Amino acid sequence: MKISIIGVGLIGGSMALKLRDKNIADFIYGIDNDKKHITEALDLKIIDAEADLENGIKNSDLVILAIPVDAARKLLPNVLDLISDQQTVMDAGSTKAGIVNAVRNHPRRSRFVAFHPMWGTENSGPKSAIAESFSGKAGVICNKEESADDALQTVESIVEALDMHMIYMNAEDHDIHTAYISHISHITSYALANTVLEKEREEETIFQLASSGFSSTVRLAKSHPEMWVPIFKQNKENVLDVLNEHITQLRKFKSALEKENYEYLEELISNANRIRGILR
């Protein structure tokens, strides 16, 4: 299978490495506006050749969009304009409703499969790509009934090759769930990092005293705004809903401390401990 990957960074690069290891990809074209990414991807043998959009698509069986969600939403109609009825297009975006709606009435909508690999790190670029990164993670396919059977089967085979377990849901439900399990985590991490940077002016002290708990909590704050601002923008209503609930929970902890109501504080913590039964 010949594959074109639009965006050869962390996600696109990791997919390329895994699909090459599994002998799914015979040849991989890299399409990226960042020439440094192309150079690194070639040096690391993530891709076989650079291509422009038109030639990369023309010569590929499968096209993967692994770019920020606002860029994917804008570019996807143009990609579908360039393909034939024998080609398949998939994305790897963290929000789905906006992308799906952008091509709802496109004449080649059925050649597109909306996909989200539930994995990522705070790092970026081809040098951060890891072949085994998706193993054991959830691979979400959205609105599968809107995709042609053969296109869906192609993407399902890709998800299996990535060693992910498949989940099917509609795009709106996906965006609600990811707001709770992913997007709010990033906002919380950014806010905590800003809190510490505002209150603790001695950066060396942060470095010396930072425990594994603090480091793991603010790890996501290293994630780049180029990726996450578009995600928050695309999923604004759901993120605001969960953010309001999060603020309510923070106020409960604040009130318990202010009123020295330590029994209530213990109750809040005990209730939170129920997450152990969900996340093992």
Protein backbone atom coordinates (compact mmCIF):
# COMPACT_ATOMS: atom_id res chain seq x y z
CA MET A 1 0.00 0.00 0.00
CA LYS A 2 1.27 3.47 -0.90
CA ILE A 3 0.50 6.05 1.78
CA SER A 4 0.72 9.83 1.90
CA ILE A 5 0.97 11.37 5.34
CA ILE A 6 0.08 15.04 5.60
CA GLY A 7 1.93 16.21 8.70
CA VAL A 8 4.98 14.10 9.54
CA GLY A 9 5.22 15.10 13.20
CA LEU A 10 4.61 13.07 16.35
CA ILE A 11 1.35 11.36 15.33
CA GLY A 12 1.95 11.08 11.60
CA GLY A 13 5.53 9.95 12.12
CA SER A 14 4.57 7.34 14.70
CA MET A 15 1.88 5.94 12.42
CA ALA A 16 4.36 5.77 9.55
CA LEU A 17 6.94 3.89 11.61
CA LYS A 18 4.41 1.32 12.83
CA LEU A 19 2.82 0.77 9.42
CA ARG A 20 6.27 0.26 7.92
CA ASP A 21 7.20 -2.23 10.66
CA LYS A 22 3.98 -4.16 9.98
CA ASN A 23 4.69 -4.20 6.21
CA ILE A 24 1.44 -2.36 5.57
CA ALA A 25 3.19 0.52 3.83
CA ASP A 26 5.22 -0.22 0.69
CA PHE A 27 6.05 3.46 0.17
CA ILE A 28 5.35 6.53 2.28
CA TYR A 29 5.18 10.08 0.97
CA GLY A 30 5.57 12.93 3.43
CA ILE A 31 3.69 16.19 2.92
CA ASP A 32 4.50 19.00 5.33
CA ASN A 33 4.88 22.79 5.15
CA ASP A 34 7.72 22.56 7.65
CA LYS A 35 10.78 21.61 5.59
CA LYS A 36 12.69 20.77 8.78
CA HIS A 37 10.10 18.07 9.50
CA ILE A 38 10.56 16.65 6.01
CA THR A 39 14.34 16.59 6.36
CA GLU A 40 14.17 14.90 9.78
CA ALA A 41 11.56 12.38 8.59
CA LEU A 42 13.75 11.45 5.62
CA ASP A 43 16.85 11.14 7.79
CA LEU A 44 14.98 8.93 10.28
CA LYS A 45 13.52 6.82 7.43
CA ILE A 46 10.01 7.66 8.55
CA ILE A 47 9.12 8.57 4.97
CA ASP A 48 10.55 7.50 1.63
CA ALA A 49 10.09 10.75 -0.24
CA GLU A 50 8.71 14.27 0.01
CA ALA A 51 5.69 15.14 -2.11
CA ASP A 52 3.45 18.10 -2.73
CA LEU A 53 -0.24 17.72 -2.00
CA GLU A 54 -1.39 16.96 -5.53
CA ASN A 55 1.30 14.40 -6.44
CA GLY A 56 1.27 12.76 -3.02
CA ILE A 57 -2.46 12.17 -3.20
CA LYS A 58 -2.40 11.09 -6.85
CA ASN A 59 0.14 8.35 -6.14
CA SER A 60 -1.35 7.00 -2.88
CA ASP A 61 -3.90 4.40 -1.92
CA LEU A 62 -4.37 5.98 1.50
CA VAL A 63 -4.03 9.58 2.63
CA ILE A 64 -3.62 10.33 6.35
CA LEU A 65 -4.16 13.85 7.71
CA ALA A 66 -2.10 14.22 10.89
CA ILE A 67 -2.22 17.99 11.30
CA PRO A 68 -3.88 20.37 13.80
CA VAL A 69 -7.66 20.07 13.73
CA ASP A 70 -8.33 23.54 12.34
CA ALA A 71 -5.94 22.88 9.46
CA ALA A 72 -7.50 19.43 8.87
CA ARG A 73 -10.99 20.90 8.81
CA LYS A 74 -9.89 23.42 6.19
CA LEU A 75 -7.78 21.07 4.07
CA LEU A 76 -9.95 17.94 4.03
CA PRO A 77 -12.43 19.17 1.37
CA ASN A 78 -9.50 19.99 -0.92
CA VAL A 79 -8.02 16.52 -0.36
CA LEU A 80 -11.33 14.87 -1.22
CA ASP A 81 -11.48 16.98 -4.38
CA LEU A 82 -8.23 15.35 -5.54
CA ILE A 83 -8.95 11.67 -4.89
CA SER A 84 -10.62 8.96 -6.94
CA ASP A 85 -13.30 6.53 -5.82
CA GLN A 86 -10.63 3.90 -5.18
CA GLN A 87 -8.69 5.92 -2.61
CA THR A 88 -9.25 6.34 1.12
CA VAL A 89 -8.69 9.36 3.35
CA MET A 90 -8.47 9.30 7.14
CA ASP A 91 -7.53 11.87 9.74
CA ALA A 92 -6.07 11.62 13.24
CA GLY A 93 -7.64 14.67 14.87
CA SER A 94 -8.55 15.02 18.55
CA THR A 95 -11.93 16.58 17.72
CA LYS A 96 -14.31 15.05 15.24
CA ALA A 97 -17.63 16.91 14.86
CA GLY A 98 -16.16 19.96 13.13
CA ILE A 99 -14.12 17.86 10.73
CA VAL A 100 -17.03 15.56 9.89
CA ASN A 101 -19.38 18.50 9.36
CA ALA A 102 -16.87 20.20 7.05
CA VAL A 103 -17.34 17.44 4.44
CA ARG A 104 -20.86 16.26 5.22
CA ASN A 105 -22.14 17.21 1.76
CA HIS A 106 -18.96 16.56 -0.19
CA PRO A 107 -19.57 14.24 -3.18
CA ARG A 108 -16.69 11.99 -2.05
CA ARG A 109 -17.59 12.03 1.64
CA SER A 110 -17.83 8.24 1.65
CA ARG A 111 -14.09 7.94 0.91
CA PHE A 112 -13.28 9.61 4.25
CA VAL A 113 -13.09 7.83 7.61
CA ALA A 114 -12.93 9.96 10.76
CA PHE A 115 -10.39 8.53 13.18
CA HIS A 116 -8.78 9.49 16.49
CA PRO A 117 -5.88 7.51 17.96
CA MET A 118 -6.11 8.05 21.71
CA TRP A 119 -2.45 8.70 22.33
CA GLY A 120 -0.12 11.67 22.41
CA THR A 121 2.70 13.25 24.37
CA GLU A 122 3.84 16.76 25.16
CA ASN A 123 6.55 16.35 22.52
CA SER A 124 6.32 17.16 18.82
CA GLY A 125 8.10 16.62 15.53
CA PRO A 126 9.45 13.53 13.72
CA LYS A 127 12.22 13.02 16.28
CA SER A 128 9.53 12.29 18.89
CA ALA A 129 7.84 9.60 16.77
CA ILE A 130 7.61 6.14 18.37
CA ALA A 131 6.50 3.06 16.45
CA GLU A 132 4.93 1.29 19.44
CA SER A 133 3.18 4.36 20.80
CA PHE A 134 -0.36 3.26 19.87
CA SER A 135 -0.14 -0.33 21.11
CA GLY A 136 -2.97 -1.18 23.49
CA LYS A 137 -4.60 2.25 23.15
CA ALA A 138 -8.10 3.01 21.89
CA GLY A 139 -8.58 3.82 18.22
CA VAL A 140 -11.89 5.64 17.73
CA ILE A 141 -13.71 5.56 14.40
CA CYS A 142 -16.56 8.05 14.15
CA ASN A 143 -19.69 8.05 11.98
CA LYS A 144 -18.68 4.84 10.25
CA GLU A 145 -22.06 4.62 8.51
CA GLU A 146 -21.09 7.67 6.44
CA SER A 147 -18.02 5.90 5.00
CA ALA A 148 -17.94 3.40 2.13
CA ASP A 149 -17.50 -0.21 3.21
CA ASP A 150 -14.14 -0.64 1.50
CA ALA A 151 -12.81 2.67 2.89
CA LEU A 152 -13.92 1.64 6.37
CA GLN A 153 -12.27 -1.75 5.99
CA THR A 154 -9.02 -0.09 4.92
CA VAL A 155 -8.96 2.11 8.01
CA GLU A 156 -9.94 -0.78 10.27
CA SER A 157 -6.94 -2.69 8.93
CA ILE A 158 -4.74 0.33 9.74
CA VAL A 159 -6.08 0.48 13.29
CA GLU A 160 -5.43 -3.23 13.75
CA ALA A 161 -1.89 -2.81 12.39
CA LEU A 162 -1.31 -0.05 14.94
CA ASP A 163 -2.25 -2.66 17.61
CA MET A 164 -5.10 -0.51 18.91
CA HIS A 165 -8.50 -1.69 20.10
CA MET A 166 -11.29 -0.23 18.01
CA ILE A 167 -14.19 1.81 19.35
CA TYR A 168 -17.05 3.16 17.25
CA MET A 169 -19.09 6.23 18.18
CA ASN A 170 -20.64 9.29 16.63
CA ALA A 171 -18.58 12.45 16.36
CA GLU A 172 -20.63 14.47 18.85
CA ASP A 173 -20.34 11.82 21.57
CA HIS A 174 -16.61 11.54 20.90
CA ASP A 175 -16.11 15.26 21.45
CA ILE A 176 -18.07 15.20 24.71
CA HIS A 177 -16.05 12.28 26.08
CA THR A 178 -12.67 13.67 25.03
CA ALA A 179 -13.51 16.99 26.67
CA TYR A 180 -13.73 15.09 29.98
CA ILE A 181 -10.84 12.66 29.64
CA SER A 182 -8.33 14.69 27.65
CA HIS A 183 -9.06 18.32 26.97
CA ILE A 184 -9.79 19.38 30.57
CA SER A 185 -6.60 17.64 31.68
CA HIS A 186 -4.58 19.90 29.42
CA ILE A 187 -6.34 23.07 30.58
CA THR A 188 -5.79 22.05 34.21
CA SER A 189 -2.12 21.40 33.54
CA TYR A 190 -1.65 24.75 31.80
CA ALA A 191 -3.43 26.53 34.64
CA LEU A 192 -1.37 24.78 37.32
CA ALA A 193 1.87 25.59 35.51
CA ASN A 194 0.85 29.25 35.25
CA THR A 195 -0.10 29.27 38.95
CA VAL A 196 3.29 27.96 40.01
CA LEU A 197 5.17 30.26 37.65
CA GLU A 198 3.22 33.23 38.98
CA LYS A 199 3.70 32.41 42.67
CA GLU A 200 7.12 30.79 42.62
CA ARG A 201 9.56 33.24 41.08
CA GLU A 202 12.65 31.16 41.81
CA GLU A 203 12.79 28.71 38.91
CA GLU A 204 15.72 26.86 40.46
CA THR A 205 13.58 26.11 43.52
CA ILE A 206 10.90 24.58 41.30
CA PHE A 207 13.52 22.38 39.68
CA GLN A 208 15.03 21.27 43.01
CA LEU A 209 11.77 20.55 44.82
CA ALA A 210 9.62 19.21 42.00
CA SER A 211 8.39 15.73 42.89
CA SER A 212 7.22 13.07 40.50
CA GLY A 213 3.63 14.01 41.37
CA PHE A 214 4.11 17.64 40.37
CA SER A 215 6.08 16.72 37.27
CA SER A 216 3.44 14.27 36.05
CA THR A 217 0.63 16.75 36.74
CA VAL A 218 2.20 19.60 34.76
CA ARG A 219 3.73 17.40 32.05
CA LEU A 220 0.87 18.26 29.71
CA ALA A 221 1.65 21.96 30.10
CA LYS A 222 4.61 21.37 27.80
CA SER A 223 2.19 20.62 24.94
CA HIS A 224 2.34 23.13 22.11
CA PRO A 225 -0.36 25.81 21.63
CA GLU A 226 -0.28 25.24 17.86
CA MET A 227 -2.05 21.96 18.48
CA TRP A 228 -4.16 22.70 21.53
CA VAL A 229 -5.67 26.11 20.80
CA PRO A 230 -7.42 24.66 17.71
CA ILE A 231 -8.68 21.71 19.78
CA PHE A 232 -10.16 24.01 22.42
CA LYS A 233 -11.64 26.17 19.66
CA GLN A 234 -13.22 23.23 17.83
CA ASN A 235 -14.62 21.72 21.03
CA LYS A 236 -15.39 24.98 22.84
CA GLU A 237 -18.89 24.22 24.14
CA ASN A 238 -17.98 20.83 25.58
CA VAL A 239 -14.75 22.15 27.09
CA LEU A 240 -16.59 25.07 28.70
CA ASP A 241 -19.14 22.67 30.17
CA VAL A 242 -16.54 20.47 31.82
CA LEU A 243 -14.45 23.50 32.81
CA ASN A 244 -17.41 24.98 34.69
CA GLU A 245 -17.83 21.72 36.59
CA HIS A 246 -14.12 21.63 37.33
CA ILE A 247 -14.25 25.17 38.74
CA THR A 248 -17.19 24.10 40.92
CA GLN A 249 -15.14 21.22 42.31
CA LEU A 250 -12.18 23.51 43.03
CA ARG A 251 -14.49 25.87 44.90
CA LYS A 252 -15.65 22.97 47.09
CA PHE A 253 -12.05 22.25 48.10
CA LYS A 254 -11.42 25.96 48.71
CA SER A 255 -14.53 26.30 50.84
CA ALA A 256 -13.69 23.21 52.92
CA LEU A 257 -10.27 24.65 53.73
CA GLU A 258 -11.52 28.16 54.42
CA LYS A 259 -14.16 26.86 56.82
CA GLU A 260 -11.77 24.28 58.31
CA ASN A 261 -14.32 21.64 57.46
CA TYR A 262 -11.88 18.75 57.29
CA GLU A 263 -14.61 16.12 57.39
CA TYR A 264 -15.98 17.53 54.15
CA LEU A 265 -12.45 17.69 52.73
CA GLU A 266 -12.01 14.01 53.53
CA GLU A 267 -15.36 13.29 51.89
CA LEU A 268 -14.27 15.09 48.70
CA ILE A 269 -11.02 13.13 48.56
CA SER A 270 -12.74 9.83 49.31
CA ASN A 271 -15.24 10.46 46.55
CA ALA A 272 -12.38 11.19 44.14
CA ASN A 273 -10.74 7.90 45.16
CA ARG A 274 -13.57 6.08 43.36
CA ILE A 275 -11.63 6.73 40.17
CA ARG A 276 -9.38 3.81 41.22
CA GLY A 277 -12.13 1.39 40.28
CA ILE A 278 -12.36 2.94 36.81
CA LEU A 279 -8.70 3.54 36.01
CA ARG A 280 -6.78 0.47 37.06
